[in-house]
Amino acid sequence: MKNRMVKAAAIIFSFLMLFSVLSLGEQQPSVTMQVNKNVLYPGGQVWANISVTGDGKVYLYYDPDILEVVNISTNGGAGHIEGKISVLVAQSGYIDVLFKAIKIGNTTLHMHANVSSQTFDENESISIIPYPNHIMFEPSMIEANINTSFNVDVTINATQEWDSTNFNIIYDPNILDFKNYSIIAALSNSSTVTVNKTSGIINCNLASDGKEIGKLHLITFTFYGKKEGASKLMISNASLFNETTPLDFDVINGSADIIAVKVYFVPDYREIYMATGKPNHFKESLLINAFTSINSILLSISFNPSLVNVIGIENGTAFNDVGYVIDNSAGEIQITAINFTGDGTIINITFSTLDGGITDIGISGEAYDETFTSISIYSGNGTAEILIDDIPPTTTLQHGMPYYNDGTNEYITSNTPLYINASDDDGNASGVKEIHYIIDGIEYVTTNSSTLIHLNGNDGLHTIEYYSIDNVGNEESHHIVTYYLDNTHQQQHCSMVCLTTMTEQMNT
């Protein structure tokens, strides 16, 4: 009896195992994707969760201009290149990807999978929308001279009603000295501001007696620039409420550059045209403004030596003594200037172009006072964009009336206007420099892009050759036309139809 029970149990166990295997074998492959949100703000994060049943490969495509991958978690083997995540899944698995929104816009997460000989595709739309409310500095970027005061406002720009806000202002107390603040009259008397000048933190608790919406200047701060350098102006630990309901918002931080010595290029940006193999020259002036006492300055000027070279330097009047070393192979100029005389030009640099492209003309270095104590400089770099123009201008010649063409000759009189027009607007066009026209071997040049001429002289055939040159020396192919000048209307030169037509045109 006992043996029968053991055999029965073994049969039942075998049956259950077989049923389990058959059930597992019948499990259908599947791939699904879900996101935890479809709308978010810049800087917000969204999870994409993919569940896989079966063996195969899963691809997740995203727009790297709008979304940034923060983390990938999976029990498979993952690979990632910008815009594409691929995961090899053995049996069942999961893929969890955390994205960060980096730009406002609409995008789609596209999942494509080949699992257990089946294909799966799913899409999830993601929208990154602007924050409805902003707490910000105005202006956000400040340049102030050392030993002077400046004001900066904190402003709310809201599309939703609000009635209270709290935030901290953080600044660098080594560079800025807090002087005072002024709250706008529209805010409640219960608003409070607490200043800790040692730590550089200002705590603001601001309330309104009513509901506010739109743009509102909340508070004005006055700072004093006591030391050269850059101080961040940050809004931290901020909140915005409509009664007890918190509102979504972002903050726009600011910065303050306190300038003791400013060294900068004029112009700070320029376009220079050149034809291939034909260098062009341009000049950059290096200027200085000192807002504290200085004696000397050491500077390094950098440029791209594959695009430009220095071919000349002229000293300015800001220093009595200026020395420099040019290294065109490294793209550097080392400048030593002593005995400061006043604001103005340090040097004028003449560059020669080598190739097309954009080069920054950078400035680095320090100024020194009479005791040789270093003073940081605020540098205003230059930029030169070199444009290649290898296309010559195009020139046309058009006639007015009276005019007649008998199929052999083109007849005009000295009253017939001839219009020569040049244009140069293809590609990186440098513009028309000159129009050249040659009448019966005598050359004329105009610097205008159009000119009006008349033929004079004896009746008969006259030849006009014309062409234009652009500002980098591209010369177009020459054009030649021949007119028959007929001021006396001699019949041997012009048919009766010609005479009648031209006479009617002259009398019109």
Protein backbone atom coordinates (compact mmCIF):
# COMPACT_ATOMS: atom_id res chain seq x y z
CA MET A 1 0.00 0.00 0.00
CA LYS A 2 2.81 2.33 0.92
CA ASN A 3 4.61 1.64 -2.37
CA ARG A 4 1.43 2.44 -4.30
CA MET A 5 1.13 5.80 -2.54
CA VAL A 6 4.77 6.64 -3.33
CA LYS A 7 4.26 5.74 -6.98
CA ALA A 8 1.08 7.82 -7.12
CA ALA A 9 2.86 10.81 -5.61
CA ALA A 10 5.71 10.45 -8.11
CA ILE A 11 3.23 10.35 -11.00
CA ILE A 12 1.45 13.47 -9.72
CA PHE A 13 4.78 15.30 -9.26
CA SER A 14 5.89 14.37 -12.79
CA PHE A 15 2.57 15.54 -14.17
CA LEU A 16 2.87 18.87 -12.36
CA MET A 17 6.43 19.38 -13.65
CA LEU A 18 5.32 18.59 -17.19
CA PHE A 19 2.40 21.01 -16.86
CA SER A 20 4.74 23.70 -15.57
CA VAL A 21 7.14 23.23 -18.47
CA LEU A 22 4.31 23.26 -20.99
CA SER A 23 2.85 26.40 -19.40
CA LEU A 24 6.23 28.15 -19.54
CA GLY A 25 6.67 27.13 -23.12
CA GLU A 26 3.33 28.70 -23.96
CA GLN A 27 4.30 32.09 -22.40
CA GLN A 28 4.02 34.69 -25.17
CA PRO A 29 6.89 37.14 -25.84
CA SER A 30 6.07 40.77 -25.11
CA VAL A 31 7.75 44.17 -24.82
CA THR A 32 5.99 47.15 -23.25
CA MET A 33 7.13 50.68 -22.43
CA GLN A 34 5.73 53.19 -19.96
CA VAL A 35 6.83 56.66 -18.82
CA ASN A 36 5.97 58.17 -15.46
CA LYS A 37 5.11 61.58 -17.00
CA ASN A 38 4.58 63.06 -20.44
CA VAL A 39 4.90 66.75 -19.56
CA LEU A 40 7.75 68.29 -17.59
CA TYR A 41 9.75 71.48 -17.15
CA PRO A 42 13.36 72.12 -18.18
CA GLY A 43 15.63 70.38 -15.69
CA GLY A 44 12.89 67.91 -14.78
CA GLN A 45 13.34 64.14 -14.98
CA VAL A 46 11.29 61.35 -16.52
CA TRP A 47 11.58 57.55 -16.21
CA ALA A 48 11.09 55.24 -19.18
CA ASN A 49 10.37 51.68 -17.98
CA ILE A 50 10.53 48.80 -20.47
CA SER A 51 9.45 45.24 -19.55
CA VAL A 52 10.57 42.32 -21.72
CA THR A 53 9.35 38.73 -21.87
CA GLY A 54 11.51 36.61 -24.15
CA ASP A 55 15.02 36.73 -25.65
CA GLY A 56 16.30 39.40 -28.00
CA LYS A 57 17.42 42.99 -28.40
CA VAL A 58 15.67 46.20 -27.44
CA TYR A 59 16.48 49.67 -28.81
CA LEU A 60 15.36 52.97 -27.30
CA TYR A 61 15.77 56.08 -29.46
CA TYR A 62 15.63 59.63 -28.05
CA ASP A 63 16.49 63.19 -29.12
CA PRO A 64 19.80 64.18 -27.44
CA ASP A 65 19.09 67.87 -28.10
CA ILE A 66 16.07 67.72 -25.78
CA LEU A 67 16.74 64.81 -23.41
CA GLU A 68 19.89 63.77 -21.56
CA VAL A 69 20.45 60.27 -20.16
CA VAL A 70 21.04 60.36 -16.39
CA ASN A 71 20.99 56.64 -15.58
CA ILE A 72 20.41 53.25 -17.23
CA SER A 73 19.37 50.26 -15.10
CA THR A 74 18.86 46.81 -16.64
CA ASN A 75 19.46 43.11 -16.04
CA GLY A 76 20.71 42.79 -19.62
CA GLY A 77 23.80 43.99 -21.42
CA ALA A 78 23.41 47.68 -22.29
CA GLY A 79 25.15 49.86 -24.86
CA HIS A 80 24.68 53.60 -25.27
CA ILE A 81 25.60 56.09 -27.95
CA GLU A 82 24.10 59.56 -28.17
CA GLY A 83 20.47 59.23 -29.18
CA LYS A 84 20.31 55.42 -28.96
CA ILE A 85 20.27 52.85 -26.13
CA SER A 86 20.54 49.14 -26.99
CA VAL A 87 20.03 46.26 -24.53
CA LEU A 88 20.51 42.51 -25.09
CA VAL A 89 17.95 40.59 -23.01
CA ALA A 90 18.26 36.88 -22.14
CA GLN A 91 14.93 35.35 -21.09
CA SER A 92 12.83 38.06 -19.40
CA GLY A 93 14.19 41.41 -18.32
CA TYR A 94 13.71 45.08 -17.63
CA ILE A 95 15.22 48.36 -18.83
CA ASP A 96 14.78 51.53 -16.76
CA VAL A 97 16.16 54.77 -18.18
CA LEU A 98 16.15 58.11 -16.35
CA PHE A 99 16.16 61.16 -18.63
CA LYS A 100 16.67 64.84 -17.82
CA ALA A 101 14.96 67.56 -19.86
CA ILE A 102 17.57 70.00 -21.17
CA LYS A 103 15.58 72.03 -23.71
CA ILE A 104 12.02 73.19 -24.27
CA GLY A 105 10.28 71.30 -27.06
CA ASN A 106 8.33 68.21 -28.07
CA THR A 107 9.99 64.87 -28.62
CA THR A 108 9.21 61.16 -28.88
CA LEU A 109 10.76 58.15 -27.19
CA HIS A 110 10.71 55.34 -29.74
CA MET A 111 11.17 51.75 -28.58
CA HIS A 112 11.95 49.07 -31.18
CA ALA A 113 12.54 45.44 -30.18
CA ASN A 114 13.23 42.08 -31.82
CA VAL A 115 12.31 39.49 -29.19
CA SER A 116 11.72 35.77 -29.71
CA SER A 117 11.40 36.26 -33.48
CA GLN A 118 8.77 38.98 -33.06
CA THR A 119 8.98 42.74 -33.63
CA PHE A 120 7.63 45.34 -31.20
CA ASP A 121 7.38 49.13 -31.58
CA GLU A 122 6.04 51.68 -29.13
CA ASN A 123 6.19 55.48 -28.88
CA GLU A 124 5.80 57.85 -25.94
CA SER A 125 5.42 61.58 -26.51
CA ILE A 126 7.29 63.92 -24.16
CA SER A 127 6.68 67.68 -23.94
CA ILE A 128 9.09 70.01 -22.17
CA ILE A 129 7.23 73.23 -21.47
CA PRO A 130 8.36 76.56 -20.01
CA TYR A 131 7.85 77.20 -16.33
CA PRO A 132 4.72 79.30 -15.75
CA ASN A 133 6.50 81.54 -13.24
CA HIS A 134 10.01 82.97 -12.89
CA ILE A 135 11.95 84.53 -10.02
CA MET A 136 14.96 86.32 -11.44
CA PHE A 137 17.62 88.98 -11.18
CA GLU A 138 17.36 92.05 -13.39
CA PRO A 139 19.79 92.71 -14.86
CA SER A 140 21.17 89.19 -14.66
CA MET A 141 24.71 90.16 -15.70
CA ILE A 142 26.32 93.23 -14.17
CA GLU A 143 29.63 94.93 -14.89
CA ALA A 144 30.56 97.48 -12.25
CA ASN A 145 33.75 99.40 -11.59
CA ILE A 146 35.62 98.81 -8.38
CA ASN A 147 34.86 101.21 -5.51
CA THR A 148 31.43 102.05 -6.92
CA SER A 149 27.87 101.04 -6.01
CA PHE A 150 25.28 99.38 -8.23
CA ASN A 151 21.67 98.23 -7.96
CA VAL A 152 20.09 94.93 -8.88
CA ASP A 153 16.41 93.94 -8.70
CA VAL A 154 14.72 90.65 -7.92
CA THR A 155 11.63 90.30 -10.09
CA ILE A 156 8.76 87.83 -10.40
CA ASN A 157 7.20 87.22 -13.80
CA ALA A 158 4.12 85.08 -13.14
CA THR A 159 1.34 83.68 -15.29
CA GLN A 160 -0.42 82.42 -12.15
CA GLU A 161 -1.74 84.38 -9.20
CA TRP A 162 0.49 84.39 -6.12
CA ASP A 163 0.55 86.15 -2.77
CA SER A 164 3.81 85.18 -1.03
CA THR A 165 7.37 84.14 -1.81
CA ASN A 166 10.43 83.21 0.22
CA PHE A 167 14.03 82.97 -0.97
CA ASN A 168 17.66 83.52 -0.03
CA ILE A 169 20.06 85.73 -1.97
CA ILE A 170 23.66 84.49 -1.92
CA TYR A 171 26.63 86.67 -2.92
CA ASP A 172 30.41 86.71 -2.35
CA PRO A 173 31.12 89.00 0.64
CA ASN A 174 34.82 89.10 -0.27
CA ILE A 175 33.98 90.94 -3.51
CA LEU A 176 30.69 92.70 -2.72
CA ASP A 177 29.67 94.76 0.26
CA PHE A 178 25.92 94.87 0.91
CA LYS A 179 24.69 98.45 1.41
CA ASN A 180 20.87 98.45 1.62
CA TYR A 181 17.59 97.23 0.14
CA SER A 182 14.23 98.68 -0.84
CA ILE A 183 10.95 96.70 -0.96
CA ILE A 184 8.31 97.96 -3.38
CA ALA A 185 5.26 99.62 -1.83
CA ALA A 186 2.85 97.01 -3.27
CA LEU A 187 4.08 94.36 -0.84
CA SER A 188 2.76 93.87 2.67
CA ASN A 189 4.28 95.49 5.73
CA SER A 190 4.67 91.98 7.10
CA SER A 191 7.48 91.31 4.59
CA THR A 192 10.86 90.82 6.23
CA VAL A 193 14.48 90.88 5.05
CA THR A 194 17.41 89.61 7.14
CA VAL A 195 21.01 90.27 6.04
CA ASN A 196 24.11 88.36 7.12
CA LYS A 197 27.01 90.36 5.64
CA THR A 198 29.61 87.92 6.97
CA SER A 199 28.24 84.87 5.15
CA GLY A 200 26.81 86.81 2.20
CA ILE A 201 23.22 85.55 2.65
CA ILE A 202 20.08 87.68 2.52
CA ASN A 203 16.86 85.98 3.65
CA CYS A 204 13.69 87.42 2.11
CA ASN A 205 10.12 86.63 3.19
CA LEU A 206 7.84 88.71 1.00
CA ALA A 207 4.05 88.83 1.03
CA SER A 208 1.39 90.77 -0.83
CA ASP A 209 -1.83 92.13 0.60
CA GLY A 210 -3.63 90.89 -2.52
CA LYS A 211 -3.15 88.58 -5.48
CA GLU A 212 -0.32 89.40 -7.89
CA ILE A 213 0.09 88.30 -11.50
CA GLY A 214 2.34 89.40 -14.35
CA LYS A 215 5.72 91.06 -13.92
CA LEU A 216 6.52 92.72 -10.60
CA HIS A 217 9.79 94.14 -9.24
CA LEU A 218 9.91 92.84 -5.67
CA ILE A 219 13.02 94.28 -4.10
CA THR A 220 16.08 96.34 -5.04
CA PHE A 221 19.50 95.58 -3.52
CA THR A 222 22.43 98.00 -3.49
CA PHE A 223 25.93 96.52 -3.44
CA TYR A 224 29.38 98.10 -3.39
CA GLY A 225 32.22 96.57 -5.39
CA LYS A 226 35.11 96.47 -2.93
CA LYS A 227 37.43 94.02 -4.72
CA GLU A 228 37.98 93.03 -8.34
CA GLY A 229 36.57 89.67 -9.34
CA ALA A 230 33.33 87.86 -10.16
CA SER A 231 30.56 87.22 -7.65
CA LYS A 232 27.61 84.96 -8.31
CA LEU A 233 24.19 86.33 -7.41
CA MET A 234 22.11 83.26 -6.58
CA ILE A 235 18.49 82.71 -5.60
CA SER A 236 18.25 79.63 -3.36
CA ASN A 237 15.71 77.86 -1.13
CA ALA A 238 12.93 79.64 -2.99
CA SER A 239 9.19 79.03 -2.78
CA LEU A 240 6.12 80.65 -4.32
CA PHE A 241 2.57 80.32 -3.00
CA ASN A 242 -1.01 81.18 -3.78
CA GLU A 243 -2.34 81.05 -0.23
CA THR A 244 -1.22 77.56 0.82
CA THR A 245 -0.85 76.12 -2.69
CA PRO A 246 2.77 75.88 -3.89
CA LEU A 247 3.37 77.04 -7.47
CA ASP A 248 5.88 75.80 -10.04
CA PHE A 249 8.62 78.24 -11.01
CA ASP A 250 12.24 78.48 -12.03
CA VAL A 251 14.95 80.90 -10.97
CA ILE A 252 17.29 82.94 -13.17
CA ASN A 253 20.49 83.66 -11.28
CA GLY A 254 22.83 86.55 -11.93
CA SER A 255 26.46 87.56 -11.62
CA ALA A 256 28.43 90.70 -10.90
CA ASP A 257 31.86 91.38 -12.39
CA ILE A 258 33.75 94.01 -10.42
CA ILE A 259 36.29 95.56 -12.72
CA ALA A 260 39.53 97.19 -11.59
CA VAL A 261 41.29 97.05 -14.96
CA LYS A 262 39.54 96.36 -18.25
CA VAL A 263 41.54 95.32 -21.32
CA TYR A 264 39.58 94.79 -24.51
CA PHE A 265 39.68 94.71 -28.29
CA VAL A 266 37.98 97.20 -30.59
CA PRO A 267 36.17 96.05 -32.59
CA ASP A 268 35.21 92.98 -30.57
CA TYR A 269 33.88 91.23 -33.69
CA ARG A 270 34.54 91.68 -37.37
CA GLU A 271 34.09 89.87 -40.67
CA ILE A 272 37.02 89.76 -43.07
CA TYR A 273 36.77 88.53 -46.64
CA MET A 274 39.52 86.92 -48.66
CA ALA A 275 39.90 84.96 -51.87
CA THR A 276 41.72 81.64 -51.74
CA GLY A 277 45.44 82.30 -51.83
CA LYS A 278 44.97 86.08 -51.55
CA PRO A 279 45.56 87.23 -47.93
CA ASN A 280 43.67 90.21 -46.59
CA HIS A 281 44.74 92.49 -43.74
CA PHE A 282 42.81 93.86 -40.78
CA LYS A 283 43.64 95.82 -37.64
CA GLU A 284 42.61 95.25 -34.01
CA SER A 285 43.15 97.89 -31.32
CA LEU A 286 43.91 96.73 -27.76
CA LEU A 287 42.55 99.25 -25.24
CA ILE A 288 42.72 99.67 -21.47
CA ASN A 289 40.53 101.35 -18.84
CA ALA A 290 41.89 101.40 -15.28
CA PHE A 291 39.58 102.14 -12.34
CA THR A 292 42.34 101.86 -9.78
CA SER A 293 45.97 102.94 -9.66
CA ILE A 294 48.27 100.81 -11.87
CA ASN A 295 51.81 101.09 -13.19
CA SER A 296 52.35 98.16 -15.54
CA ILE A 297 50.68 95.22 -17.23
CA LEU A 298 51.74 91.81 -18.55
CA LEU A 299 49.53 90.34 -21.25
CA SER A 300 49.34 87.30 -23.49
CA ILE A 301 47.34 87.58 -26.71
CA SER A 302 46.28 84.32 -28.37
CA PHE A 303 44.96 83.61 -31.88
CA ASN A 304 44.59 80.70 -34.30
CA PRO A 305 47.84 80.59 -36.31
CA SER A 306 46.27 78.46 -39.04
CA LEU A 307 43.83 81.29 -39.82
CA VAL A 308 45.78 84.50 -39.16
CA ASN A 309 49.31 85.76 -38.59
CA VAL A 310 50.54 89.02 -37.10
CA ILE A 311 52.40 91.20 -39.60
CA GLY A 312 52.75 94.42 -37.63
CA ILE A 313 52.27 96.15 -34.26
CA GLU A 314 52.10 99.86 -33.47
CA ASN A 315 52.41 101.17 -29.92
CA GLY A 316 49.61 103.25 -28.47
CA THR A 317 49.66 106.02 -25.87
CA ALA A 318 48.37 104.27 -22.72
CA PHE A 319 51.92 103.37 -21.57
CA ASN A 320 55.25 105.12 -22.05
CA ASP A 321 57.10 101.87 -22.70
CA VAL A 322 55.68 98.86 -24.52
CA GLY A 323 57.57 95.74 -25.57
CA TYR A 324 56.26 92.65 -27.30
CA VAL A 325 57.29 89.29 -28.74
CA ILE A 326 55.35 87.77 -31.66
CA ASP A 327 55.22 83.99 -32.10
CA ASN A 328 53.13 83.28 -35.19
CA SER A 329 53.82 79.55 -35.06
CA ALA A 330 52.26 79.30 -31.59
CA GLY A 331 49.65 82.00 -32.17
CA GLU A 332 50.81 84.24 -29.32
CA ILE A 333 51.92 87.78 -28.56
CA GLN A 334 53.62 88.49 -25.23
CA ILE A 335 53.25 92.14 -24.16
CA THR A 336 55.01 94.05 -21.39
CA ALA A 337 53.85 97.63 -20.83
CA ILE A 338 55.11 99.93 -18.05
CA ASN A 339 54.58 103.51 -16.88
CA PHE A 340 50.83 103.85 -17.33
CA THR A 341 49.82 107.30 -18.59
CA GLY A 342 46.05 106.94 -18.79
CA ASP A 343 43.18 105.11 -20.46
CA GLY A 344 43.57 104.51 -24.17
CA THR A 345 45.27 102.26 -26.71
CA ILE A 346 48.02 99.86 -25.65
CA ILE A 347 48.86 98.60 -29.16
CA ASN A 348 47.36 98.29 -32.63
CA ILE A 349 47.82 94.82 -34.16
CA THR A 350 47.72 94.18 -37.91
CA PHE A 351 46.75 90.63 -38.87
CA SER A 352 47.00 88.89 -42.24
CA THR A 353 44.46 86.21 -43.14
CA LEU A 354 45.57 82.71 -44.16
CA ASP A 355 42.36 80.69 -44.43
CA GLY A 356 38.64 80.79 -43.76
CA GLY A 357 37.22 80.19 -40.29
CA ILE A 358 36.62 81.84 -36.93
CA THR A 359 39.42 82.75 -34.55
CA ASP A 360 39.11 84.12 -31.04
CA ILE A 361 41.65 86.78 -30.19
CA GLY A 362 42.06 86.09 -26.49
CA ILE A 363 43.49 88.19 -23.67
CA SER A 364 45.01 86.95 -20.42
CA GLY A 365 47.35 88.51 -17.89
CA GLU A 366 47.55 90.82 -14.90
CA ALA A 367 48.12 94.46 -14.05
CA TYR A 368 50.42 95.71 -11.27
CA ASP A 369 50.47 98.78 -9.07
CA GLU A 370 53.53 100.76 -7.95
CA THR A 371 54.34 98.15 -5.29
CA PHE A 372 54.09 95.33 -7.87
CA THR A 373 50.93 93.98 -6.26
CA SER A 374 48.97 92.08 -8.91
CA ILE A 375 45.52 93.25 -9.97
CA SER A 376 43.15 91.01 -11.91
CA ILE A 377 42.08 92.25 -15.31
CA TYR A 378 38.69 91.96 -16.95
CA SER A 379 39.29 90.95 -20.55
CA GLY A 380 37.10 91.65 -23.54
CA ASN A 381 38.25 89.20 -26.19
CA GLY A 382 37.94 89.77 -29.90
CA THR A 383 36.60 87.51 -32.63
CA ALA A 384 37.49 87.53 -36.32
CA GLU A 385 35.41 85.57 -38.83
CA ILE A 386 37.26 85.03 -42.09
CA LEU A 387 35.02 84.35 -45.07
CA ILE A 388 36.28 82.87 -48.32
CA ASP A 389 34.94 84.60 -51.44
CA ASP A 390 36.05 82.99 -54.70
CA ILE A 391 33.02 84.01 -56.77
CA PRO A 392 33.40 87.13 -58.95
CA PRO A 393 30.66 89.73 -59.36
CA THR A 394 28.12 89.72 -62.17
CA THR A 395 27.72 92.74 -64.45
CA THR A 396 24.99 93.54 -66.96
CA LEU A 397 24.54 96.28 -69.56
CA GLN A 398 21.06 97.40 -70.55
CA HIS A 399 19.99 100.05 -73.05
CA GLY A 400 17.15 102.52 -73.02
CA MET A 401 15.47 104.28 -75.94
CA PRO A 402 15.89 105.20 -78.76
CA TYR A 403 17.13 101.82 -79.90
CA TYR A 404 16.70 99.58 -82.92
CA ASN A 405 17.98 96.12 -83.86
CA ASP A 406 17.77 95.13 -87.52
CA GLY A 407 19.18 91.65 -86.91
CA THR A 408 22.68 92.70 -87.89
CA ASN A 409 23.41 95.82 -85.84
CA GLU A 410 22.07 97.45 -82.69
CA TYR A 411 21.42 101.13 -83.40
CA ILE A 412 21.44 103.84 -80.73
CA THR A 413 21.95 107.58 -80.52
CA SER A 414 23.89 109.71 -78.06
CA ASN A 415 20.58 110.22 -76.24
CA THR A 416 20.21 106.48 -75.60
CA PRO A 417 20.99 105.70 -71.93
CA LEU A 418 23.20 102.68 -71.27
CA TYR A 419 22.94 101.23 -67.75
CA ILE A 420 25.80 99.15 -66.32
CA ASN A 421 24.86 97.32 -63.11
CA ALA A 422 27.05 95.04 -61.00
CA SER A 423 26.01 92.70 -58.18
CA ASP A 424 27.97 90.46 -55.84
CA ASP A 425 25.63 88.45 -53.65
CA ASP A 426 26.57 84.79 -54.15
CA GLY A 427 28.00 82.85 -51.19
CA ASN A 428 30.30 84.84 -48.90
CA ALA A 429 30.09 87.89 -51.13
CA SER A 430 32.59 90.64 -50.30
CA GLY A 431 30.74 93.21 -52.43
CA VAL A 432 31.46 95.13 -55.61
CA LYS A 433 34.59 97.26 -55.48
CA GLU A 434 34.75 98.65 -59.03
CA ILE A 435 33.06 98.60 -62.41
CA HIS A 436 35.43 98.88 -65.37
CA TYR A 437 34.17 99.84 -68.83
CA ILE A 438 36.26 100.49 -71.92
CA ILE A 439 34.79 102.51 -74.80
CA ASP A 440 36.77 102.28 -78.03
CA GLY A 441 39.96 101.49 -76.09
CA ILE A 442 39.59 104.18 -73.39
CA GLU A 443 39.05 102.75 -69.89
CA TYR A 444 36.82 104.24 -67.21
CA VAL A 445 36.40 103.07 -63.59
CA THR A 446 33.62 103.74 -61.11
CA THR A 447 33.45 102.60 -57.49
CA ASN A 448 29.66 102.52 -57.56
CA SER A 449 27.74 99.31 -58.20
CA SER A 450 25.89 100.96 -61.09
CA THR A 451 26.59 103.68 -63.61
CA LEU A 452 24.84 105.44 -66.50
CA ILE A 453 26.74 106.21 -69.71
CA HIS A 454 26.04 107.61 -73.19
CA LEU A 455 27.96 107.00 -76.39
CA ASN A 456 29.40 110.05 -78.13
CA GLY A 457 31.57 110.50 -81.19
CA ASN A 458 31.26 109.84 -84.87
CA ASP A 459 28.48 107.77 -86.33
CA GLY A 460 29.48 104.18 -86.82
CA LEU A 461 30.37 101.08 -84.82
CA HIS A 462 31.59 101.52 -81.23
CA THR A 463 32.78 98.77 -78.88
CA ILE A 464 32.11 98.68 -75.12
CA GLU A 465 33.99 96.20 -72.94
CA TYR A 466 32.86 95.93 -69.30
CA TYR A 467 33.47 93.87 -66.15
CA SER A 468 33.57 94.21 -62.34
CA ILE A 469 35.98 93.39 -59.51
CA ASP A 470 34.92 92.58 -55.95
CA ASN A 471 36.57 93.66 -52.71
CA VAL A 472 38.94 90.68 -52.56
CA GLY A 473 40.12 90.98 -56.16
CA ASN A 474 37.89 88.45 -57.93
CA GLU A 475 37.53 89.68 -61.51
CA GLU A 476 34.70 88.44 -63.67
CA SER A 477 35.02 87.51 -67.35
CA HIS A 478 34.94 90.53 -69.64
CA HIS A 479 31.84 91.28 -71.70
CA ILE A 480 31.99 92.98 -75.10
CA VAL A 481 29.11 94.61 -76.97
CA THR A 482 29.04 96.66 -80.17
CA TYR A 483 26.56 99.44 -80.92
CA TYR A 484 26.05 101.41 -84.10
CA LEU A 485 25.93 105.08 -83.16
CA ASP A 486 23.58 106.87 -85.56
CA ASN A 487 22.94 110.49 -84.65
CA THR A 488 22.44 111.68 -88.26
CA HIS A 489 20.13 108.83 -89.35
CA GLN A 490 22.00 108.17 -92.62
CA GLN A 491 19.93 105.80 -94.69
CA GLN A 492 22.93 103.82 -95.87
CA HIS A 493 23.45 102.72 -92.28
CA CYS A 494 19.86 102.19 -91.26
CA SER A 495 16.79 100.95 -93.10
CA MET A 496 13.69 103.09 -93.54
CA VAL A 497 11.99 101.07 -90.80
CA CYS A 498 14.97 101.77 -88.53
CA LEU A 499 14.90 105.51 -89.31
CA THR A 500 11.16 105.73 -88.75
CA THR A 501 11.32 103.75 -85.49
CA MET A 502 14.21 105.72 -83.98
CA THR A 503 12.72 109.07 -85.03
CA GLU A 504 9.41 108.15 -83.42
CA GLN A 505 11.21 107.10 -80.22
CA MET A 506 13.16 110.36 -80.08
CA ASN A 507 9.98 112.40 -80.57
CA THR A 508 8.07 110.47 -77.91
